[in-house]
Amino acid sequence: MSQLSHPASLTDHPAPSRPMALGFLRRVLPNLLILSALGGLAWWGHHTRWTLTRLAELAGARQQKENDWCEEHGVPESACVECNPALLPRGKDHGWCKTHGVHNCPLEHPEVAQLRQKPQVTPADLERARRALQLLPRPENSSQCKLYQRRIQFASREAADRAGIDVKRVERAPVVEAVRANGEVAYDQTRVARLSARLPGSVWWVPKAVGDAVKRGEVVALVDAAEVGKAKAEFLQAVVQVDLKRTSAAAARQAWDRGALPEIDLRVAEASLREAEVRLRSAEQALVNLGLPIRAEDVKGLGSEEGRRRVQFLGLPDSVRKRLDDKTTDNLLPVVAPLDGVVAARDVVAGEMVDTAKVLFVVADVRQMWLTLHLRQEDMKAVKLGQPVRFRPDGSGDESSGTVAWVSTTVDEKTRTVKVRANLSNAEGQLRANSFGRGQVVLREEPESVVVPSEAVHWEGDCFVVFVRDRNYLAEDAPKVFHVRTVRVGVRDAETTEIIAGVLPGELIATKGSGALLAELRKDNLGEG
């Protein structure tokens, strides 16, 4: 009998393994969790009436943010102080100051200064500005300039830093305003002596050389001149004659009193005495003219030999007399220094024959020298007598000072300059005659002027401007603003500029990078045009 086949039972196949079940759960469980979360979110939104933002609304928000930008001033329009003045209200516009030549003058209205506290403007500040404006014509600003009403704003401090803007504080510093010119040093002609012999003769002795110091009255040379001996002899003879005639006249007077002498003889004796006295005065004056002053009383009562010796060495100091003896000639004529100084030049040697026209020595007092400056005609407006003068010789670091002593009334025909002479102190002896250098006549010297770096000052068509940082610039939410301020400039050099009016000490102004602010200002001006 054949065997019938039956369907296989469940036990005929193997049961699923445990790892397969775990894998199935890993695939299904995340999806179940996500579906559960979405269902919970839908349930919460249904009960709170929350709706999803549509895509069109998202696009509109982005467009609104991009439109909040002021193209004209380069900052968000919602923060632009020019478009929204209420964000940074302007102070009162005081307009043009005729006295100082600026707008919103801080000297007249110190409240305009960008400082935390209102500064004090003292009478000394006003007087300093008055002196500067009165001394010389200054570059002027136009009263029609409107730039002072402008403000340059940055979107942030970082934007200003990226533009390279640096600021410096307005300071007080010494300022010297002067007229400068080339100059030449020379001896003070009132302190220079050119010495010659008073009579022709032979040079007997020369004790001084170039560069030697001399005192007033010191002998620099002795000249053997025959006329000197003759003048001394005539003086001694006149002294003797006067003594003789005086004795004769006295005797005649006594005889006449007794009646033993006629009156005519008395008159003759007295006339002879007067004649002798005239000759004596003439002999005295001849010696005085030779620089050998003496009177009859100086030898009165002296013996003939002692009197002769007194006259022999007339005019010679004791230091020289000790070098001489009785055999020395009576013809010695001293050449004497008339002032304290140094021997600047010597043109004589012992034994040389000289006359009165030859200059033997030049003696100069070098403690004071003359400086002659050659100034341009246009610089002469403020130059006056008594003004300080400073001079620095070429190749020297030493500076000498003095005062203006003379101003020429003529203009040089060739150079078209005016000569100005100053007396320079030379106590240290650093100056040399005939040397050249650079001098300056100090017109004004201010120990506490207002100064700023020169790179901060800009000329913009019709006025000088600087950019002053707003007092609240560093505050977190404050606009980052620089105010345009017109200024009146004074003395300028490569590094600093004097500000006569326009800013006050303590304010912060743009220096390095201020050209970027100027470019922004010009761009806006072109746009307005």
Protein backbone atom coordinates (compact mmCIF):
# COMPACT_ATOMS: atom_id res chain seq x y z
CA MET A 1 0.00 0.00 0.00
CA SER A 2 1.32 3.25 -0.97
CA GLN A 3 1.94 5.88 1.80
CA LEU A 4 -0.02 9.17 1.60
CA SER A 5 1.83 12.51 2.12
CA HIS A 6 0.56 15.14 4.75
CA PRO A 7 1.13 18.90 5.03
CA ALA A 8 4.14 19.76 7.08
CA SER A 9 3.47 20.98 10.61
CA LEU A 10 5.02 24.05 12.25
CA THR A 11 7.43 21.97 14.03
CA ASP A 12 8.80 20.89 10.75
CA HIS A 13 10.58 24.43 10.27
CA PRO A 14 13.23 26.07 12.50
CA ALA A 15 12.14 29.08 14.84
CA PRO A 16 13.51 32.65 14.17
CA SER A 17 16.70 33.56 16.04
CA ARG A 18 17.01 36.34 18.84
CA PRO A 19 19.52 38.64 16.93
CA MET A 20 17.10 39.04 14.07
CA ALA A 21 14.41 40.38 16.40
CA LEU A 22 16.75 42.99 17.87
CA GLY A 23 17.66 44.31 14.40
CA PHE A 24 14.01 44.66 13.52
CA LEU A 25 13.42 46.83 16.58
CA ARG A 26 16.38 49.10 15.79
CA ARG A 27 14.93 49.84 12.36
CA VAL A 28 11.42 50.54 13.47
CA LEU A 29 11.89 52.30 16.84
CA PRO A 30 13.39 55.64 15.57
CA ASN A 31 10.59 56.11 13.12
CA LEU A 32 8.07 55.43 15.85
CA LEU A 33 9.72 58.05 18.12
CA ILE A 34 9.72 60.72 15.38
CA LEU A 35 6.07 60.08 14.59
CA SER A 36 5.27 60.31 18.28
CA ALA A 37 7.09 63.64 18.65
CA LEU A 38 5.36 65.15 15.63
CA GLY A 39 2.04 63.99 16.95
CA GLY A 40 2.75 65.59 20.34
CA LEU A 41 3.84 68.86 18.68
CA ALA A 42 0.65 68.87 16.59
CA TRP A 43 -1.44 68.31 19.71
CA TRP A 44 0.36 71.20 21.53
CA GLY A 45 -0.03 73.52 18.54
CA HIS A 46 -3.71 72.70 18.25
CA HIS A 47 -4.32 73.62 21.87
CA THR A 48 -2.12 76.81 21.75
CA ARG A 49 -3.29 77.97 18.31
CA TRP A 50 0.36 78.17 17.02
CA THR A 51 0.91 78.39 13.27
CA LEU A 52 4.12 77.94 11.20
CA THR A 53 5.73 80.96 9.50
CA ARG A 54 5.26 80.94 5.83
CA LEU A 55 8.27 81.07 3.45
CA ALA A 56 7.12 84.39 1.95
CA GLU A 57 7.15 85.95 5.40
CA LEU A 58 10.76 84.80 6.03
CA ALA A 59 11.88 86.34 2.74
CA GLY A 60 10.21 89.67 3.64
CA ALA A 61 12.04 89.86 7.00
CA ARG A 62 15.41 89.49 5.31
CA GLN A 63 14.52 92.23 2.82
CA GLN A 64 13.52 94.58 5.64
CA LYS A 65 16.91 94.07 7.35
CA GLU A 66 18.80 94.78 4.11
CA ASN A 67 16.80 97.97 3.52
CA ASP A 68 17.84 99.40 6.96
CA TRP A 69 21.01 100.99 5.53
CA CYS A 70 21.74 104.65 4.80
CA GLU A 71 23.68 104.69 1.55
CA GLU A 72 24.37 108.43 1.86
CA HIS A 73 26.08 108.24 5.25
CA GLY A 74 27.27 104.63 5.30
CA VAL A 75 25.56 103.51 8.53
CA PRO A 76 22.31 101.73 9.43
CA GLU A 77 19.53 104.17 8.71
CA SER A 78 17.90 103.48 12.06
CA ALA A 79 21.14 104.64 13.76
CA CYS A 80 22.06 107.51 11.39
CA VAL A 81 22.31 110.77 13.32
CA GLU A 82 22.06 112.83 10.14
CA CYS A 83 18.84 111.15 9.06
CA ASN A 84 17.53 110.93 12.65
CA PRO A 85 18.83 114.08 14.44
CA ALA A 86 16.99 113.04 17.60
CA LEU A 87 19.56 110.26 18.10
CA LEU A 88 22.23 112.92 18.73
CA PRO A 89 20.59 116.33 19.14
CA ARG A 90 22.62 119.30 17.94
CA GLY A 91 23.48 122.07 20.32
CA LYS A 92 22.69 125.71 19.69
CA ASP A 93 24.25 127.03 16.49
CA HIS A 94 26.15 130.18 17.49
CA GLY A 95 27.21 130.85 13.91
CA TRP A 96 30.18 132.97 12.85
CA CYS A 97 32.58 134.56 15.37
CA LYS A 98 33.97 137.76 13.86
CA THR A 99 36.52 138.18 16.63
CA HIS A 100 38.29 134.85 16.13
CA GLY A 101 37.22 133.89 12.61
CA VAL A 102 35.61 130.47 13.29
CA HIS A 103 32.12 129.03 13.61
CA ASN A 104 30.69 128.04 16.99
CA CYS A 105 33.76 129.57 18.65
CA PRO A 106 34.76 127.59 21.77
CA LEU A 107 36.51 130.66 23.19
CA GLU A 108 33.20 132.54 23.23
CA HIS A 109 30.96 129.49 23.78
CA PRO A 110 32.95 126.81 25.64
CA GLU A 111 29.87 124.60 25.94
CA VAL A 112 30.38 123.48 22.32
CA ALA A 113 33.56 121.61 23.31
CA GLN A 114 33.26 117.82 23.22
CA LEU A 115 34.24 117.36 26.84
CA ARG A 116 32.47 115.71 29.76
CA GLN A 117 32.41 118.96 31.71
CA LYS A 118 32.09 122.51 30.45
CA PRO A 119 35.64 123.93 30.26
CA GLN A 120 36.68 127.30 31.64
CA VAL A 121 38.02 129.89 29.19
CA THR A 122 40.25 132.30 31.12
CA PRO A 123 41.14 135.93 30.31
CA ALA A 124 44.66 134.65 29.59
CA ASP A 125 43.26 132.40 26.84
CA LEU A 126 41.45 135.34 25.23
CA GLU A 127 44.52 137.57 25.52
CA ARG A 128 46.71 134.89 23.94
CA ALA A 129 44.36 134.68 20.95
CA ARG A 130 44.25 138.48 20.68
CA ARG A 131 48.05 138.73 20.56
CA ALA A 132 48.29 136.07 17.89
CA LEU A 133 45.66 137.69 15.67
CA GLN A 134 46.99 141.21 16.17
CA LEU A 135 50.63 140.43 15.42
CA LEU A 136 50.38 139.25 11.80
CA PRO A 137 47.69 138.52 9.20
CA ARG A 138 46.47 134.93 9.63
CA PRO A 139 44.90 132.55 7.08
CA GLU A 140 41.19 133.26 7.13
CA ASN A 141 38.13 131.05 6.98
CA SER A 142 35.04 131.96 4.99
CA SER A 143 32.08 133.02 7.09
CA GLN A 144 29.88 131.28 4.51
CA CYS A 145 31.45 127.87 5.12
CA LYS A 146 28.83 125.34 6.25
CA LEU A 147 31.08 122.40 6.96
CA TYR A 148 30.93 122.99 10.71
CA GLN A 149 27.34 121.69 10.57
CA ARG A 150 28.47 118.29 9.35
CA ARG A 151 29.07 115.14 11.38
CA ILE A 152 30.88 112.05 10.10
CA GLN A 153 29.53 108.80 11.55
CA PHE A 154 30.89 105.25 11.60
CA ALA A 155 28.72 102.16 11.92
CA SER A 156 30.85 100.92 14.83
CA ARG A 157 34.12 101.41 16.63
CA GLU A 158 35.48 98.48 14.66
CA ALA A 159 34.63 100.25 11.40
CA ALA A 160 36.57 103.33 12.54
CA ASP A 161 39.52 101.17 13.53
CA ARG A 162 39.49 99.45 10.15
CA ALA A 163 39.57 102.89 8.50
CA GLY A 164 42.80 103.59 10.40
CA ILE A 165 41.40 106.46 12.46
CA ASP A 166 43.62 107.49 15.36
CA VAL A 167 42.97 110.33 17.79
CA LYS A 168 45.17 112.63 19.85
CA ARG A 169 44.32 114.95 22.69
CA VAL A 170 44.50 118.70 22.10
CA GLU A 171 47.39 119.87 24.25
CA ARG A 172 49.03 123.01 25.55
CA ALA A 173 52.67 123.52 24.54
CA PRO A 174 55.19 126.35 24.05
CA VAL A 175 55.05 128.12 20.69
CA VAL A 176 57.66 130.48 19.27
CA GLU A 177 56.76 132.63 16.28
CA ALA A 178 59.79 134.15 14.62
CA VAL A 179 61.15 135.65 11.42
CA ARG A 180 64.12 133.62 10.20
CA ALA A 181 67.01 134.72 8.00
CA ASN A 182 70.69 134.19 7.31
CA GLY A 183 73.08 136.26 9.35
CA GLU A 184 76.72 137.20 9.77
CA VAL A 185 78.64 137.79 13.00
CA ALA A 186 81.07 140.70 13.37
CA TYR A 187 82.85 142.54 16.13
CA ASP A 188 80.81 145.13 17.95
CA GLN A 189 82.25 148.25 16.33
CA THR A 190 81.71 150.22 19.53
CA ARG A 191 84.03 147.74 21.24
CA VAL A 192 86.86 147.56 18.71
CA ALA A 193 90.03 149.69 18.75
CA ARG A 194 92.49 150.01 15.86
CA LEU A 195 95.73 151.21 17.38
CA SER A 196 98.39 153.31 15.61
CA ALA A 197 101.39 155.30 16.77
CA ARG A 198 100.61 158.94 17.51
CA LEU A 199 103.95 159.96 15.98
CA PRO A 200 106.24 158.46 13.34
CA GLY A 201 109.11 156.45 14.71
CA SER A 202 110.77 153.10 15.17
CA VAL A 203 109.05 150.26 17.06
CA TRP A 204 111.14 149.72 20.18
CA TRP A 205 109.27 146.88 21.95
CA VAL A 206 106.22 144.65 21.18
CA PRO A 207 105.13 142.53 24.16
CA LYS A 208 101.68 141.41 22.84
CA ALA A 209 100.75 138.84 20.20
CA VAL A 210 97.49 137.89 18.48
CA GLY A 211 95.08 136.24 20.89
CA ASP A 212 96.60 137.74 24.02
CA ALA A 213 94.19 139.23 26.52
CA VAL A 214 94.74 142.88 27.39
CA LYS A 215 93.39 145.26 29.99
CA ARG A 216 92.48 148.87 29.53
CA GLY A 217 95.62 151.03 29.82
CA GLU A 218 98.00 148.12 29.19
CA VAL A 219 100.98 148.81 26.92
CA VAL A 220 100.99 146.73 23.75
CA ALA A 221 104.02 148.39 22.11
CA LEU A 222 106.63 151.14 22.58
CA VAL A 223 107.63 153.46 19.73
CA ASP A 224 110.85 155.46 19.70
CA ALA A 225 109.76 158.87 18.37
CA ALA A 226 112.09 161.90 18.45
CA GLU A 227 109.18 164.31 18.76
CA VAL A 228 108.31 162.76 22.13
CA GLY A 229 111.70 163.62 23.60
CA LYS A 230 111.40 167.16 22.24
CA ALA A 231 107.95 167.62 23.80
CA LYS A 232 109.19 166.39 27.17
CA ALA A 233 112.15 168.77 27.07
CA GLU A 234 109.91 171.72 26.22
CA PHE A 235 107.70 170.87 29.16
CA LEU A 236 110.64 170.79 31.58
CA GLN A 237 111.95 174.07 30.18
CA ALA A 238 108.53 175.66 30.55
CA VAL A 239 108.34 174.54 34.18
CA VAL A 240 111.72 176.14 34.88
CA GLN A 241 110.79 179.36 33.07
CA VAL A 242 107.57 179.70 35.00
CA ASP A 243 109.41 179.31 38.31
CA LEU A 244 111.97 181.89 37.24
CA LYS A 245 109.43 184.41 35.94
CA ARG A 246 107.27 183.97 39.01
CA THR A 247 110.24 184.80 41.27
CA SER A 248 111.13 187.88 39.14
CA ALA A 249 107.60 189.17 39.16
CA ALA A 250 107.39 188.81 42.95
CA ALA A 251 110.64 190.75 43.41
CA ALA A 252 109.45 193.49 41.04
CA ARG A 253 106.22 193.80 42.99
CA GLN A 254 108.12 194.30 46.25
CA ALA A 255 110.46 196.89 44.68
CA TRP A 256 107.53 198.79 43.22
CA ASP A 257 105.83 198.80 46.61
CA ARG A 258 108.93 200.50 48.10
CA GLY A 259 109.01 202.95 45.22
CA ALA A 260 112.34 201.61 44.02
CA LEU A 261 111.03 200.35 40.63
CA PRO A 262 109.06 202.15 37.98
CA GLU A 263 105.57 200.75 37.28
CA ILE A 264 106.50 200.00 33.68
CA ASP A 265 109.17 197.55 34.84
CA LEU A 266 106.62 195.85 37.10
CA ARG A 267 104.23 195.46 34.17
CA VAL A 268 107.01 193.94 32.02
CA ALA A 269 107.90 191.40 34.75
CA GLU A 270 104.27 190.33 35.17
CA ALA A 271 103.80 190.03 31.38
CA SER A 272 106.85 187.80 31.16
CA LEU A 273 105.35 185.55 33.86
CA ARG A 274 102.07 185.25 31.96
CA GLU A 275 103.93 184.44 28.77
CA ALA A 276 105.89 181.69 30.55
CA GLU A 277 102.67 180.25 31.97
CA VAL A 278 101.16 180.14 28.47
CA ARG A 279 104.15 178.24 27.18
CA LEU A 280 103.84 175.80 30.10
CA ARG A 281 100.17 175.13 29.33
CA SER A 282 101.09 174.62 25.69
CA ALA A 283 103.78 172.11 26.66
CA GLU A 284 101.34 170.28 28.96
CA GLN A 285 98.76 170.08 26.16
CA ALA A 286 101.34 168.73 23.70
CA LEU A 287 102.06 165.83 26.04
CA VAL A 288 98.35 165.26 26.64
CA ASN A 289 97.85 165.00 22.88
CA LEU A 290 100.45 162.24 22.83
CA GLY A 291 98.64 160.35 25.56
CA LEU A 292 101.13 161.50 28.22
CA PRO A 293 99.13 163.71 30.58
CA ILE A 294 101.15 165.66 33.18
CA ARG A 295 100.90 168.96 35.05
CA ALA A 296 103.53 171.28 36.47
CA GLU A 297 102.32 170.47 39.98
CA ASP A 298 103.37 166.83 39.38
CA VAL A 299 107.04 167.83 39.27
CA LYS A 300 106.87 170.84 41.57
CA GLY A 301 109.29 170.52 44.45
CA LEU A 302 111.23 167.73 42.78
CA GLY A 303 114.91 168.10 42.05
CA SER A 304 116.02 168.52 38.49
CA GLU A 305 117.20 164.90 38.17
CA GLU A 306 114.16 163.44 39.85
CA GLY A 307 111.88 165.61 37.75
CA ARG A 308 113.67 164.56 34.56
CA ARG A 309 113.28 160.87 35.47
CA ARG A 310 109.63 161.43 36.20
CA VAL A 311 109.11 162.85 32.74
CA GLN A 312 111.42 160.31 31.06
CA PHE A 313 109.11 157.36 31.75
CA LEU A 314 105.90 159.34 31.43
CA GLY A 315 102.91 157.14 30.49
CA LEU A 316 104.62 153.86 31.32
CA PRO A 317 103.19 151.57 34.00
CA ASP A 318 105.42 150.39 36.84
CA SER A 319 105.66 146.89 35.28
CA VAL A 320 107.37 148.46 32.24
CA ARG A 321 109.47 150.97 34.14
CA LYS A 322 111.16 148.14 36.02
CA ARG A 323 112.50 146.84 32.71
CA LEU A 324 114.17 150.20 31.92
CA ASP A 325 117.18 152.09 33.28
CA ASP A 326 118.48 155.66 33.26
CA LYS A 327 120.19 155.12 29.92
CA THR A 328 116.88 154.41 28.21
CA THR A 329 115.89 157.01 25.65
CA ASP A 330 113.40 159.73 26.55
CA ASN A 331 111.67 159.24 23.20
CA LEU A 332 109.50 156.25 24.17
CA LEU A 333 105.85 156.62 23.22
CA PRO A 334 103.54 153.85 24.53
CA VAL A 335 100.77 152.34 22.40
CA VAL A 336 98.05 151.59 24.96
CA ALA A 337 94.91 149.41 24.83
CA PRO A 338 91.86 151.66 25.39
CA LEU A 339 89.60 148.80 26.50
CA ASP A 340 89.54 145.28 27.90
CA GLY A 341 89.65 142.63 25.20
CA VAL A 342 91.92 140.46 23.11
CA VAL A 343 94.45 141.23 20.41
CA ALA A 344 92.48 140.37 17.27
CA ALA A 345 95.22 141.43 14.82
CA ARG A 346 98.86 142.54 14.95
CA ASP A 347 100.80 144.05 12.04
CA VAL A 348 104.11 145.20 13.53
CA VAL A 349 107.47 143.84 14.65
CA ALA A 350 110.24 145.37 16.74
CA GLY A 351 112.54 147.68 14.78
CA GLU A 352 109.96 148.47 12.12
CA MET A 353 109.52 152.07 11.06
CA VAL A 354 105.90 153.17 11.37
CA ASP A 355 103.83 156.28 10.81
CA THR A 356 100.49 157.51 12.10
CA ALA A 357 98.51 155.95 9.22
CA LYS A 358 99.58 152.36 9.87
CA VAL A 359 97.30 150.22 12.07
CA LEU A 360 99.57 148.27 14.41
CA PHE A 361 96.97 146.37 16.47
CA VAL A 362 93.27 145.58 16.52
CA VAL A 363 91.93 145.04 20.03
CA ALA A 364 88.35 143.80 20.39
CA ASP A 365 86.07 143.20 23.34
CA VAL A 366 84.48 139.90 22.29
CA ARG A 367 82.08 139.64 25.22
CA GLN A 368 79.46 141.16 22.92
CA MET A 369 79.20 140.72 19.15
CA TRP A 370 77.10 142.16 16.36
CA LEU A 371 74.79 139.96 14.31
CA THR A 372 73.48 141.33 11.01
CA LEU A 373 70.41 139.58 9.61
CA HIS A 374 69.10 140.12 6.07
CA LEU A 375 65.30 140.02 6.31
CA ARG A 376 62.75 140.03 3.52
CA GLN A 377 60.70 143.19 3.20
CA GLU A 378 57.45 141.32 3.84
CA ASP A 379 58.83 140.02 7.14
CA MET A 380 59.56 143.49 8.48
CA LYS A 381 55.98 144.32 9.48
CA ALA A 382 56.31 143.01 13.01
CA VAL A 383 60.06 143.54 13.64
CA LYS A 384 60.78 146.13 16.32
CA LEU A 385 63.68 147.34 18.44
CA GLY A 386 64.26 145.34 21.60
CA GLN A 387 62.77 142.07 20.31
CA PRO A 388 64.67 138.89 21.25
CA VAL A 389 67.06 137.41 18.70
CA ARG A 390 68.49 133.89 18.60
CA PHE A 391 71.36 132.75 16.43
CA ARG A 392 72.98 129.40 15.68
CA PRO A 393 76.29 129.46 13.74
CA ASP A 394 76.78 127.01 10.91
CA GLY A 395 78.24 123.74 12.16
CA SER A 396 77.58 124.55 15.80
CA GLY A 397 74.97 123.35 18.24
CA ASP A 398 75.37 126.37 20.53
CA GLU A 399 72.72 129.06 20.38
CA SER A 400 73.38 132.69 21.29
CA SER A 401 70.78 135.26 22.24
CA GLY A 402 70.45 139.02 22.13
CA THR A 403 68.08 141.83 21.16
CA VAL A 404 67.36 143.91 18.09
CA ALA A 405 69.44 147.11 18.35
CA TRP A 406 69.08 148.65 14.89
CA VAL A 407 66.83 148.36 11.85
CA SER A 408 68.05 149.79 8.56
CA THR A 409 65.96 152.49 6.92
CA THR A 410 67.04 151.36 3.45
CA VAL A 411 66.58 148.27 1.30
CA ASP A 412 69.64 146.63 -0.22
CA GLU A 413 69.68 147.42 -3.94
CA LYS A 414 70.90 143.96 -4.94
CA THR A 415 69.29 141.54 -2.50
CA ARG A 416 66.15 143.61 -1.79
CA THR A 417 66.49 142.73 1.87
CA VAL A 418 66.57 144.87 5.00
CA LYS A 419 69.46 144.72 7.44
CA VAL A 420 68.65 144.19 11.10
CA ARG A 421 71.40 144.27 13.69
CA ALA A 422 71.34 142.59 17.07
CA ASN A 423 73.69 142.67 20.03
CA LEU A 424 74.61 139.09 20.96
CA SER A 425 76.03 138.10 24.31
CA ASN A 426 79.29 136.19 23.90
CA ALA A 427 80.35 135.64 27.48
CA GLU A 428 81.44 132.08 26.69
CA GLY A 429 83.36 133.13 23.59
CA GLN A 430 81.60 130.70 21.26
CA LEU A 431 80.99 133.28 18.52
CA ARG A 432 83.58 134.13 15.88
CA ALA A 433 83.72 137.28 13.80
CA ASN A 434 82.88 136.82 10.09
CA SER A 435 81.05 133.55 10.73
CA PHE A 436 77.67 132.77 9.16
CA GLY A 437 74.60 131.03 10.47
CA ARG A 438 70.84 131.07 10.84
CA GLY A 439 69.12 133.62 13.04
CA GLN A 440 65.59 134.42 14.06
CA VAL A 441 63.85 137.47 15.44
CA VAL A 442 61.30 136.25 17.98
CA LEU A 443 58.01 138.04 17.36
CA ARG A 444 55.89 136.15 19.86
CA GLU A 445 56.60 133.50 22.45
CA GLU A 446 53.71 131.72 24.15
CA PRO A 447 54.48 129.16 26.88
CA GLU A 448 50.97 127.60 26.83
CA SER A 449 49.50 127.77 23.36
CA VAL A 450 46.92 125.29 22.07
CA VAL A 451 48.58 122.90 19.60
CA VAL A 452 47.54 119.86 17.56
CA PRO A 453 49.42 117.52 15.20
CA SER A 454 49.70 119.13 11.78
CA GLU A 455 48.26 116.05 10.08
CA ALA A 456 44.97 116.73 11.87
CA VAL A 457 44.38 120.09 10.14
CA HIS A 458 42.90 120.16 6.63
CA TRP A 459 42.10 122.98 4.20
CA GLU A 460 38.77 122.32 2.56
CA GLY A 461 38.20 124.92 -0.10
CA ASP A 462 37.35 127.93 2.05
CA CYS A 463 38.15 126.95 5.62
CA PHE A 464 40.50 124.97 7.85
CA VAL A 465 38.83 122.03 9.59
CA VAL A 466 39.59 119.34 12.14
CA PHE A 467 37.50 116.35 13.15
CA VAL A 468 36.57 116.29 16.85
CA ARG A 469 35.46 113.00 18.40
CA ASP A 470 32.10 113.06 20.16
CA ARG A 471 32.29 113.14 23.94
CA ASN A 472 30.17 109.94 24.24
CA TYR A 473 31.99 108.02 21.53
CA LEU A 474 33.15 105.26 23.87
CA ALA A 475 29.72 104.60 25.34
CA GLU A 476 28.36 101.20 24.27
CA ASP A 477 25.21 102.37 22.50
CA ALA A 478 26.36 105.86 21.54
CA PRO A 479 26.73 106.84 17.87
CA LYS A 480 30.35 106.79 16.67
CA VAL A 481 30.50 110.38 15.48
CA PHE A 482 33.21 112.93 14.60
CA HIS A 483 32.19 116.60 14.52
CA VAL A 484 33.58 118.91 11.83
CA ARG A 485 35.09 122.01 13.48
CA THR A 486 36.50 125.09 11.72
CA VAL A 487 39.76 126.35 13.25
CA ARG A 488 41.99 129.45 12.99
CA VAL A 489 45.61 128.39 12.60
CA GLY A 490 48.74 130.19 13.77
CA VAL A 491 52.32 128.95 13.71
CA ARG A 492 52.75 125.77 11.64
CA ASP A 493 55.61 123.35 11.17
CA ALA A 494 55.99 119.76 10.01
CA GLU A 495 54.83 118.28 13.32
CA THR A 496 52.52 120.67 15.13
CA THR A 497 50.12 123.51 14.37
CA GLU A 498 49.04 126.25 16.73
CA ILE A 499 45.27 126.63 16.97
CA ILE A 500 44.36 130.21 17.81
CA ALA A 501 40.66 129.37 18.03
CA GLY A 502 38.42 126.40 17.22
CA VAL A 503 39.30 123.68 19.75
CA LEU A 504 40.06 123.57 23.46
CA PRO A 505 42.62 121.54 25.41
CA GLY A 506 41.40 118.05 26.27
CA GLU A 507 39.27 117.50 23.18
CA LEU A 508 40.15 114.47 21.03
CA ILE A 509 40.71 115.03 17.32
CA ALA A 510 41.38 112.66 14.44
CA THR A 511 45.04 112.60 13.39
CA LYS A 512 46.30 109.51 11.62
CA GLY A 513 43.70 108.42 9.11
CA SER A 514 41.85 111.74 9.25
CA GLY A 515 42.17 111.79 5.46
CA ALA A 516 39.43 109.15 5.36
CA LEU A 517 37.12 111.53 7.19
CA LEU A 518 38.06 114.29 4.77
CA ALA A 519 37.28 112.03 1.81
CA GLU A 520 33.87 111.25 3.30
CA LEU A 521 33.24 114.96 3.83
CA ARG A 522 34.18 115.77 0.23
CA LYS A 523 32.03 112.95 -1.11
CA ASP A 524 29.01 114.30 0.70
CA ASN A 525 29.75 117.83 -0.55
CA LEU A 526 29.89 116.59 -4.12
CA GLY A 527 26.61 114.79 -3.61
CA GLU A 528 25.00 117.95 -2.32
CA GLY A 529 26.35 119.89 -5.33
